[in-house]
Amino acid sequence: MSPSSPLRTVAPTEAALVDTVRRLIECESPSSDDEAVARSADVVEEVGTALLGVAPERIVVEGCTHLRWRFGAATRVLLLAHHDTVWPIGTLARLPFSVQDGVMRGPGSFDMKTGLAMMLHAVAALDDREGVTLLVTGDEETGSRRSRALIEETARGASAALVAEASEQGAWKAARKGVAMYELIVHGRAAHAGLEPERGVNATVALAHLALAATELSDPGTGTTVTPTRADAGTTGNTVPAEARLLVDVRAWTLSELERVDAALRTYMSPVPEARLTVHGGINRPPLERAMSEGLVRLAERRGAPHGLGGVVAVAVGGASDGNFTAGIGVPTLDGLGAVGGGAHAEDEHALVAELLPRTLLLADLTAEISRTDGTWQS
């Protein structure tokens, strides 16, 4: 450990990190179950209080439980994580926490309970926590609808935000696409498909045309994707469908592209006479554009070298996180600082034990340096 290290004499250990990950994983927390998320918050609070020496604020928004630790009057650096997962109650019995040959497994091991454990241990290792804020949300996997305002309010005015989301192959996430989500609903008129189909207004036919039209809004040149995903229509096999619904997923590297697609979708009209179209939804997460992370990437390169992380690359990814919100309000943001592994949302979800300690030490170093900075992080 270098003389300039911000860590305490007793630094985090691999064994302690693994034990914390185990405790977090063994409390299941599917985003859709507010009671389960509240129980998970109890565990995060207990673990975090033991490590940090102080209890967090417990913030419940529309039934969803979030936790926040603030050290000092003003936030200079925000560390961001979530404790909800995509896995339903009962998954743990089938995919229990385990460590074998240096690989940790279990629901949420990669996304993102390992990163949450790393974040708690990184801040616990700091002698001076002035200006440091930790925010742990409970609804990230379902779009952060109930935590977005809290994230933005907490981040506003910070020098930088560090996001402990997971990373494949150890790469930092320097850019993320923004996301928009829509539901297109066609209102037609039912009729008997055999006796008098001409009296119906076919919502399925209208929706088929709309799905094709939506895909034409994609722009490979800019990386914008417009993807019809789930479709539902009709009631029975012999009835002209009176209603049809289509979900559309939009991803783009720039806010202007999200706004272009949004404007276009809102001008659409049903291609079937007498059918009526309504469009719900909109831009969910603004992009994390590379310009918002450039200075933090350089800092991570400098600080990572002593921990054996000097060769780590920064990448751009299509998936979104809560870091999109912090970048969207102008706070420099670096993501992907958590677990290294793979299998997010999949049966083979896992995190590599050997990566825990060096990346936790790096996260502590980054936090310490930024916490001493006034104004927006630049270099």
Protein backbone atom coordinates (compact mmCIF):
# COMPACT_ATOMS: atom_id res chain seq x y z
CA MET A 1 0.00 0.00 0.00
CA SER A 2 1.45 3.35 -1.01
CA PRO A 3 2.12 6.10 1.58
CA SER A 4 -0.57 8.25 -0.07
CA SER A 5 -3.23 5.56 0.25
CA PRO A 6 -6.50 6.79 1.80
CA LEU A 7 -7.11 3.41 3.45
CA ARG A 8 -7.14 2.64 7.14
CA THR A 9 -4.41 0.49 8.65
CA VAL A 10 -6.85 -2.42 8.52
CA ALA A 11 -7.83 -2.67 4.86
CA PRO A 12 -10.74 -4.77 3.56
CA THR A 13 -9.99 -8.45 3.10
CA GLU A 14 -11.12 -10.90 0.47
CA ALA A 15 -12.67 -13.13 3.12
CA ALA A 16 -14.70 -10.26 4.60
CA LEU A 17 -15.90 -9.22 1.15
CA VAL A 18 -17.02 -12.76 0.31
CA ASP A 19 -18.88 -13.03 3.62
CA THR A 20 -20.71 -9.76 2.95
CA VAL A 21 -21.67 -10.88 -0.55
CA ARG A 22 -23.03 -14.13 0.92
CA ARG A 23 -25.18 -12.27 3.45
CA LEU A 24 -26.61 -10.00 0.76
CA ILE A 25 -27.32 -12.83 -1.69
CA GLU A 26 -28.98 -15.01 0.93
CA CYS A 27 -31.72 -12.40 1.39
CA GLU A 28 -33.69 -12.60 -1.86
CA SER A 29 -34.90 -9.28 -3.23
CA PRO A 30 -36.90 -9.40 -6.46
CA SER A 31 -37.78 -5.87 -7.57
CA SER A 32 -41.45 -6.79 -7.96
CA ASP A 33 -41.85 -7.76 -4.28
CA ASP A 34 -41.78 -4.70 -2.02
CA GLU A 35 -41.80 -6.80 1.15
CA ALA A 36 -38.80 -8.82 -0.04
CA VAL A 37 -36.96 -5.60 -0.97
CA ALA A 38 -37.72 -4.23 2.51
CA ARG A 39 -36.24 -7.37 4.11
CA SER A 40 -33.18 -6.99 1.91
CA ALA A 41 -32.88 -3.36 3.02
CA ASP A 42 -32.83 -4.62 6.62
CA VAL A 43 -29.80 -6.78 5.80
CA VAL A 44 -28.03 -4.02 3.86
CA GLU A 45 -28.67 -1.64 6.74
CA GLU A 46 -27.31 -4.10 9.28
CA VAL A 47 -24.19 -4.86 7.26
CA GLY A 48 -23.60 -1.23 6.32
CA THR A 49 -24.09 0.05 9.85
CA ALA A 50 -21.57 -2.46 11.18
CA LEU A 51 -19.02 -1.42 8.55
CA LEU A 52 -19.61 2.32 8.54
CA GLY A 53 -20.46 2.88 12.20
CA VAL A 54 -23.64 4.79 11.48
CA ALA A 55 -27.15 3.84 10.36
CA PRO A 56 -28.47 5.05 6.99
CA GLU A 57 -31.55 7.05 6.17
CA ARG A 58 -34.32 4.64 5.27
CA ILE A 59 -36.34 6.15 2.43
CA VAL A 60 -39.56 4.45 1.31
CA VAL A 61 -41.08 5.70 -1.94
CA GLU A 62 -44.40 4.18 -2.97
CA GLY A 63 -43.60 1.07 -0.96
CA CYS A 64 -40.04 0.59 -2.27
CA THR A 65 -37.18 0.83 0.25
CA HIS A 66 -33.96 2.73 -0.48
CA LEU A 67 -31.03 3.48 1.84
CA ARG A 68 -28.73 6.50 1.98
CA TRP A 69 -25.60 7.22 4.00
CA ARG A 70 -24.35 10.81 3.98
CA PHE A 71 -21.05 11.93 5.48
CA GLY A 72 -20.77 15.69 5.77
CA ALA A 73 -23.04 18.53 4.77
CA ALA A 74 -22.41 18.38 1.02
CA THR A 75 -22.03 15.48 -1.40
CA ARG A 76 -18.82 15.64 -3.40
CA VAL A 77 -18.80 12.02 -4.53
CA LEU A 78 -21.87 9.81 -4.83
CA LEU A 79 -21.46 6.03 -4.78
CA LEU A 80 -24.45 4.33 -6.34
CA ALA A 81 -25.72 0.74 -6.13
CA HIS A 82 -28.99 -1.21 -5.99
CA HIS A 83 -30.03 -4.17 -3.86
CA ASP A 84 -32.93 -5.51 -5.91
CA THR A 85 -32.51 -8.36 -8.40
CA VAL A 86 -34.47 -9.96 -11.24
CA TRP A 87 -34.70 -13.33 -9.45
CA PRO A 88 -38.03 -14.46 -7.92
CA ILE A 89 -38.36 -15.75 -4.37
CA GLY A 90 -37.30 -19.39 -4.25
CA THR A 91 -34.40 -19.07 -6.69
CA LEU A 92 -31.91 -19.34 -3.82
CA ALA A 93 -33.06 -22.88 -3.06
CA ARG A 94 -32.19 -23.88 -6.62
CA LEU A 95 -29.13 -21.67 -7.11
CA PRO A 96 -27.63 -21.26 -3.63
CA PHE A 97 -24.66 -19.06 -2.83
CA SER A 98 -21.44 -20.94 -3.45
CA VAL A 99 -17.73 -20.39 -3.99
CA GLN A 100 -15.87 -22.94 -6.04
CA ASP A 101 -12.53 -22.57 -7.81
CA GLY A 102 -12.56 -18.83 -7.19
CA VAL A 103 -16.04 -18.26 -8.62
CA MET A 104 -18.98 -16.98 -6.55
CA ARG A 105 -22.46 -17.92 -7.65
CA GLY A 106 -26.00 -17.18 -6.54
CA PRO A 107 -28.88 -14.91 -7.55
CA GLY A 108 -27.61 -11.36 -7.77
CA SER A 109 -23.94 -12.35 -7.43
CA PHE A 110 -23.01 -10.41 -10.57
CA ASP A 111 -25.90 -7.94 -10.80
CA MET A 112 -25.18 -6.43 -8.38
CA LYS A 113 -24.84 -7.58 -4.78
CA THR A 114 -21.11 -8.09 -5.13
CA GLY A 115 -20.71 -4.49 -6.28
CA LEU A 116 -22.85 -3.34 -3.35
CA ALA A 117 -20.60 -5.23 -0.92
CA MET A 118 -17.52 -3.70 -2.54
CA MET A 119 -18.98 -0.22 -2.22
CA LEU A 120 -19.70 -0.63 1.49
CA HIS A 121 -16.22 -2.02 2.22
CA ALA A 122 -14.53 0.68 0.11
CA VAL A 123 -16.10 3.50 2.09
CA ALA A 124 -15.55 1.66 5.38
CA ALA A 125 -11.83 1.67 4.55
CA LEU A 126 -11.57 5.47 4.35
CA ASP A 127 -10.13 7.49 7.22
CA ASP A 128 -11.91 10.64 6.02
CA ARG A 129 -15.43 10.23 4.64
CA GLU A 130 -16.32 13.91 4.49
CA GLY A 131 -18.26 14.61 1.30
CA VAL A 132 -19.05 10.94 0.59
CA THR A 133 -22.63 9.75 0.03
CA LEU A 134 -23.80 6.19 -0.62
CA LEU A 135 -27.20 5.54 -2.17
CA VAL A 136 -28.62 2.02 -2.42
CA THR A 137 -31.86 1.82 -4.40
CA GLY A 138 -34.46 -0.94 -4.55
CA ASP A 139 -36.04 -0.76 -8.00
CA GLU A 140 -33.24 -0.45 -10.57
CA GLU A 141 -34.13 -3.66 -12.37
CA THR A 142 -37.61 -2.37 -13.18
CA GLY A 143 -36.52 1.03 -14.47
CA SER A 144 -35.99 3.03 -11.24
CA ARG A 145 -39.36 4.76 -11.54
CA ARG A 146 -39.62 5.11 -7.75
CA SER A 147 -36.01 6.09 -7.16
CA ARG A 148 -35.17 8.37 -10.07
CA ALA A 149 -36.09 11.59 -8.27
CA LEU A 150 -34.12 10.46 -5.22
CA ILE A 151 -31.06 9.64 -7.33
CA GLU A 152 -31.15 12.99 -9.10
CA GLU A 153 -31.75 14.94 -5.88
CA THR A 154 -28.89 13.15 -4.13
CA ALA A 155 -26.47 13.57 -7.04
CA ARG A 156 -27.21 17.20 -7.81
CA GLY A 157 -24.14 19.35 -7.13
CA ALA A 158 -21.74 16.41 -6.68
CA SER A 159 -18.28 16.50 -8.25
CA ALA A 160 -18.76 12.97 -9.61
CA ALA A 161 -20.72 9.74 -9.30
CA LEU A 162 -19.22 6.25 -9.14
CA VAL A 163 -21.50 3.33 -9.98
CA ALA A 164 -20.73 -0.14 -8.62
CA GLU A 165 -22.53 -2.02 -11.38
CA ALA A 166 -20.86 -5.19 -12.62
CA SER A 167 -18.38 -5.50 -15.47
CA GLU A 168 -17.64 -8.26 -17.94
CA GLN A 169 -13.89 -8.75 -18.37
CA GLY A 170 -13.26 -5.93 -15.91
CA ALA A 171 -13.93 -3.07 -18.32
CA TRP A 172 -15.16 0.22 -16.96
CA LYS A 173 -18.37 1.48 -18.52
CA ALA A 174 -17.63 4.94 -19.82
CA ALA A 175 -20.77 5.30 -21.92
CA ARG A 176 -24.24 3.77 -21.85
CA LYS A 177 -27.10 4.12 -24.26
CA GLY A 178 -30.15 6.02 -23.15
CA VAL A 179 -33.44 4.15 -23.01
CA ALA A 180 -37.02 4.94 -23.97
CA MET A 181 -39.91 2.52 -23.52
CA TYR A 182 -43.35 2.71 -25.12
CA GLU A 183 -46.67 0.93 -25.19
CA LEU A 184 -48.70 1.38 -28.37
CA ILE A 185 -52.37 0.51 -27.94
CA VAL A 186 -54.72 0.16 -30.90
CA HIS A 187 -58.44 0.43 -30.15
CA GLY A 188 -60.54 -1.30 -32.81
CA ARG A 189 -63.97 -2.94 -32.82
CA ALA A 190 -64.87 -6.58 -32.26
CA ALA A 191 -66.99 -8.64 -34.65
CA HIS A 192 -67.53 -12.30 -35.49
CA ALA A 193 -64.64 -13.35 -37.73
CA GLY A 194 -66.81 -15.78 -39.68
CA LEU A 195 -70.25 -14.18 -39.85
CA GLU A 196 -69.48 -10.49 -40.35
CA PRO A 197 -65.77 -9.64 -40.21
CA GLU A 198 -66.44 -6.52 -42.26
CA ARG A 199 -68.21 -4.98 -39.26
CA GLY A 200 -65.05 -5.20 -37.17
CA VAL A 201 -62.06 -2.89 -36.98
CA ASN A 202 -59.02 -5.15 -36.78
CA ALA A 203 -56.58 -3.94 -34.14
CA THR A 204 -54.09 -6.71 -34.91
CA VAL A 205 -53.72 -5.65 -38.54
CA ALA A 206 -53.13 -2.07 -37.45
CA LEU A 207 -50.55 -3.16 -34.89
CA ALA A 208 -48.67 -5.25 -37.45
CA HIS A 209 -48.21 -2.19 -39.65
CA LEU A 210 -47.16 -0.09 -36.67
CA ALA A 211 -44.55 -2.64 -35.59
CA LEU A 212 -42.96 -2.51 -39.03
CA ALA A 213 -43.10 1.27 -39.08
CA ALA A 214 -41.42 1.48 -35.67
CA THR A 215 -38.45 -0.61 -36.79
CA GLU A 216 -37.85 1.86 -39.63
CA LEU A 217 -37.00 4.50 -37.01
CA SER A 218 -33.80 2.60 -36.19
CA ASP A 219 -30.60 4.21 -37.46
CA PRO A 220 -27.59 1.86 -37.72
CA GLY A 221 -25.35 4.80 -38.51
CA THR A 222 -25.90 6.39 -35.10
CA GLY A 223 -26.45 3.13 -33.23
CA THR A 224 -30.10 3.89 -32.51
CA THR A 225 -32.26 0.78 -32.16
CA VAL A 226 -36.05 0.70 -32.14
CA THR A 227 -37.20 -2.81 -31.27
CA PRO A 228 -40.81 -4.01 -31.03
CA THR A 229 -40.75 -6.58 -28.23
CA ARG A 230 -43.96 -7.92 -26.71
CA ALA A 231 -47.29 -7.93 -28.59
CA ASP A 232 -50.76 -8.92 -27.34
CA ALA A 233 -54.02 -8.84 -29.26
CA GLY A 234 -57.51 -10.22 -29.38
CA THR A 235 -59.65 -12.44 -27.19
CA THR A 236 -60.66 -15.56 -29.14
CA GLY A 237 -59.71 -17.25 -32.38
CA ASN A 238 -62.99 -16.36 -34.11
CA THR A 239 -63.25 -12.69 -33.10
CA VAL A 240 -61.95 -9.65 -34.92
CA PRO A 241 -59.65 -8.17 -32.25
CA ALA A 242 -60.89 -4.98 -30.67
CA GLU A 243 -57.60 -4.15 -28.95
CA ALA A 244 -53.90 -4.81 -29.53
CA ARG A 245 -50.84 -3.74 -27.54
CA LEU A 246 -47.20 -3.47 -28.55
CA LEU A 247 -44.17 -2.72 -26.38
CA VAL A 248 -41.29 -0.90 -28.07
CA ASP A 249 -37.74 -0.64 -26.70
CA VAL A 250 -35.59 2.28 -27.90
CA ARG A 251 -31.84 2.68 -27.27
CA ALA A 252 -29.58 5.54 -28.41
CA TRP A 253 -26.19 7.04 -27.67
CA THR A 254 -27.47 10.63 -27.63
CA LEU A 255 -30.44 12.43 -26.16
CA SER A 256 -31.19 14.03 -29.53
CA GLU A 257 -31.72 10.58 -31.05
CA LEU A 258 -34.07 9.55 -28.24
CA GLU A 259 -36.01 12.76 -28.78
CA ARG A 260 -36.18 12.15 -32.56
CA VAL A 261 -37.73 8.71 -32.07
CA ASP A 262 -40.05 9.97 -29.35
CA ALA A 263 -41.39 12.72 -31.58
CA ALA A 264 -41.89 10.31 -34.48
CA LEU A 265 -43.78 7.71 -32.45
CA ARG A 266 -46.13 10.37 -31.12
CA THR A 267 -47.10 11.40 -34.66
CA TYR A 268 -48.12 7.87 -35.66
CA MET A 269 -51.73 7.20 -36.52
CA SER A 270 -53.49 3.91 -37.04
CA PRO A 271 -53.16 2.63 -40.63
CA VAL A 272 -56.56 0.93 -40.31
CA PRO A 273 -59.56 3.26 -40.80
CA GLU A 274 -61.67 3.78 -37.66
CA ALA A 275 -59.01 2.29 -35.37
CA ARG A 276 -57.60 4.65 -32.76
CA LEU A 277 -54.00 4.64 -31.54
CA THR A 278 -52.72 5.80 -28.14
CA VAL A 279 -49.02 5.98 -27.23
CA HIS A 280 -47.85 5.66 -23.63
CA GLY A 281 -44.36 5.90 -22.17
CA GLY A 282 -41.36 7.96 -23.14
CA ILE A 283 -37.68 8.50 -22.39
CA ASN A 284 -36.80 6.48 -19.30
CA ARG A 285 -33.07 7.05 -18.96
CA PRO A 286 -30.92 9.68 -20.69
CA PRO A 287 -27.62 8.47 -22.18
CA LEU A 288 -24.39 8.36 -20.23
CA GLU A 289 -22.33 10.06 -22.91
CA ARG A 290 -18.56 9.47 -23.05
CA ALA A 291 -17.80 13.11 -22.38
CA MET A 292 -19.33 12.69 -18.90
CA SER A 293 -16.80 9.99 -17.93
CA GLU A 294 -13.57 10.98 -19.70
CA GLY A 295 -11.87 12.62 -16.73
CA LEU A 296 -12.87 9.80 -14.40
CA VAL A 297 -11.47 7.21 -16.82
CA ARG A 298 -8.10 8.97 -16.67
CA LEU A 299 -8.28 9.02 -12.86
CA ALA A 300 -9.14 5.31 -12.75
CA GLU A 301 -6.20 4.55 -15.04
CA ARG A 302 -3.83 6.39 -12.71
CA ARG A 303 -5.24 4.98 -9.51
CA GLY A 304 -5.74 1.49 -10.88
CA ALA A 305 -2.11 0.80 -11.74
CA PRO A 306 -0.92 0.23 -8.13
CA HIS A 307 -3.69 -2.36 -7.74
CA GLY A 308 -2.81 -4.23 -10.91
CA LEU A 309 -5.63 -2.60 -12.86
CA GLY A 310 -3.62 -0.33 -15.10
CA GLY A 311 -4.54 -2.17 -18.29
CA VAL A 312 -8.29 -2.01 -17.81
CA VAL A 313 -10.17 -0.57 -20.78
CA ALA A 314 -13.25 1.65 -20.86
CA VAL A 315 -16.14 0.57 -23.06
CA ALA A 316 -19.52 1.76 -24.28
CA VAL A 317 -22.50 -0.57 -23.73
CA GLY A 318 -26.12 -0.69 -24.79
CA GLY A 319 -27.55 -1.47 -21.37
CA ALA A 320 -28.57 1.32 -18.99
CA SER A 321 -28.14 1.83 -15.25
CA ASP A 322 -28.86 4.45 -12.61
CA GLY A 323 -25.63 6.11 -13.74
CA ASN A 324 -27.59 7.35 -16.74
CA PHE A 325 -29.59 9.56 -14.38
CA THR A 326 -26.54 11.13 -12.71
CA ALA A 327 -24.90 11.81 -16.07
CA GLY A 328 -28.21 13.13 -17.37
CA ILE A 329 -28.18 15.98 -14.84
CA GLY A 330 -24.58 16.91 -15.65
CA VAL A 331 -22.65 14.97 -12.99
CA PRO A 332 -19.50 13.24 -14.34
CA THR A 333 -20.12 9.52 -13.95
CA LEU A 334 -18.06 6.33 -14.23
CA ASP A 335 -19.85 2.98 -14.21
CA GLY A 336 -18.86 -0.68 -14.12
CA LEU A 337 -16.71 -0.37 -11.00
CA GLY A 338 -18.20 -3.43 -9.30
CA ALA A 339 -17.88 -7.19 -9.76
CA VAL A 340 -16.05 -8.88 -12.60
CA GLY A 341 -17.83 -11.94 -13.94
CA GLY A 342 -20.78 -12.61 -16.19
CA GLY A 343 -24.18 -14.16 -16.65
CA ALA A 344 -26.30 -11.17 -15.66
CA HIS A 345 -29.95 -12.25 -15.37
CA ALA A 346 -28.96 -15.78 -16.42
CA GLU A 347 -28.61 -19.18 -14.76
CA ASP A 348 -24.79 -18.98 -14.88
CA GLU A 349 -24.56 -15.62 -13.08
CA HIS A 350 -21.21 -15.42 -11.30
CA ALA A 351 -18.46 -13.13 -9.97
CA LEU A 352 -14.72 -13.74 -9.72
CA VAL A 353 -13.30 -13.72 -6.18
CA ALA A 354 -9.80 -12.68 -7.27
CA GLU A 355 -11.13 -9.36 -8.58
CA LEU A 356 -12.88 -8.36 -5.35
CA LEU A 357 -10.06 -6.86 -3.35
CA PRO A 358 -8.13 -4.89 -6.00
CA ARG A 359 -11.30 -3.32 -7.36
CA THR A 360 -12.55 -2.48 -3.86
CA LEU A 361 -9.23 -0.77 -3.10
CA LEU A 362 -9.46 1.16 -6.36
CA LEU A 363 -13.01 2.25 -5.54
CA ALA A 364 -11.76 3.51 -2.16
CA ASP A 365 -8.93 5.43 -3.83
CA LEU A 366 -11.26 7.05 -6.36
CA THR A 367 -13.73 7.99 -3.64
CA ALA A 368 -11.04 9.53 -1.47
CA GLU A 369 -9.56 11.66 -4.24
CA ILE A 370 -12.88 12.93 -5.56
CA SER A 371 -14.20 13.67 -2.06
CA ARG A 372 -11.44 16.25 -1.69
CA THR A 373 -12.52 18.07 -4.87
CA ASP A 374 -14.79 21.08 -5.11
CA GLY A 375 -16.72 21.63 -8.31
CA THR A 376 -17.29 19.28 -11.22
CA TRP A 377 -14.58 16.65 -11.72
CA GLN A 378 -12.50 17.50 -14.78
CA SER A 379 -9.25 15.51 -14.79
